[in-house]
Amino acid sequence: MNTILLVLCNALSCFIISTILFQFMNGKYKKSSRNRYVYIVIETTTVIFTFCINMLNHSILNLVY
């Protein structure tokens, strides 16, 4: 149960952080691609990559990313 809760909270945290980051970048910078799916794929990849790093439980990897 604790592991499931850790995974769900970690995934939610990564999603929220990536969403805030991409909303900031969307308001600050002009999009270079007209295809909106490119940005969805990039955001999804960022969430998955951050999630995997956090699940390794190595704090130094969080600093590198």
Protein backbone atom coordinates (compact mmCIF):
# COMPACT_ATOMS: atom_id res chain seq x y z
CA MET A 1 0.00 0.00 0.00
CA ASN A 2 2.82 2.40 0.85
CA THR A 3 4.53 1.73 -2.47
CA ILE A 4 1.35 2.39 -4.43
CA LEU A 5 0.79 5.63 -2.56
CA LEU A 6 4.40 6.68 -3.19
CA VAL A 7 4.08 5.99 -6.91
CA LEU A 8 0.77 7.86 -7.23
CA CYS A 9 1.98 10.90 -5.29
CA ASN A 10 5.23 10.95 -7.24
CA ALA A 11 3.39 10.79 -10.58
CA LEU A 12 1.00 13.55 -9.53
CA SER A 13 3.86 15.74 -8.34
CA CYS A 14 5.78 15.30 -11.61
CA PHE A 15 2.66 16.09 -13.62
CA ILE A 16 1.95 19.27 -11.65
CA ILE A 17 5.54 20.52 -11.86
CA SER A 18 5.73 19.87 -15.62
CA THR A 19 2.37 21.54 -16.22
CA ILE A 20 3.43 24.66 -14.33
CA LEU A 21 6.76 24.73 -16.18
CA PHE A 22 5.16 24.41 -19.61
CA GLN A 23 2.48 27.01 -18.82
CA PHE A 24 5.22 29.43 -17.83
CA MET A 25 7.16 28.70 -21.00
CA ASN A 26 3.99 29.03 -23.09
CA GLY A 27 3.34 32.52 -21.72
CA LYS A 28 6.96 33.64 -21.93
CA TYR A 29 8.18 32.28 -25.25
CA LYS A 30 6.71 32.01 -28.73
CA LYS A 31 5.96 28.49 -29.95
CA SER A 32 8.15 27.48 -32.86
CA SER A 33 5.97 24.61 -34.06
CA ARG A 34 2.38 24.90 -35.21
CA ASN A 35 1.67 21.27 -34.36
CA ARG A 36 0.29 21.19 -30.82
CA TYR A 37 0.94 17.46 -30.49
CA VAL A 38 4.68 18.12 -30.39
CA TYR A 39 4.26 19.98 -27.11
CA ILE A 40 1.99 17.30 -25.66
CA VAL A 41 4.60 14.63 -26.44
CA ILE A 42 7.40 16.74 -24.96
CA GLU A 43 5.43 17.39 -21.77
CA THR A 44 4.50 13.72 -21.43
CA THR A 45 8.12 12.68 -21.95
CA THR A 46 9.23 15.17 -19.31
CA VAL A 47 6.72 13.79 -16.82
CA ILE A 48 7.78 10.18 -17.45
CA PHE A 49 11.49 11.00 -17.30
CA THR A 50 11.13 12.96 -14.07
CA PHE A 51 8.95 10.21 -12.59
CA CYS A 52 11.57 7.55 -13.35
CA ILE A 53 14.36 9.62 -11.82
CA ASN A 54 12.33 10.27 -8.67
CA MET A 55 11.48 6.59 -8.29
CA LEU A 56 15.19 5.71 -8.15
CA ASN A 57 15.34 7.58 -4.80
CA HIS A 58 18.73 9.14 -5.53
CA SER A 59 18.63 12.80 -4.57
CA ILE A 60 21.71 13.66 -6.62
CA LEU A 61 19.91 12.65 -9.83
CA ASN A 62 17.11 15.10 -9.02
CA LEU A 63 19.68 17.88 -8.83
CA VAL A 64 21.21 16.92 -12.18
CA TYR A 65 17.87 16.92 -13.96
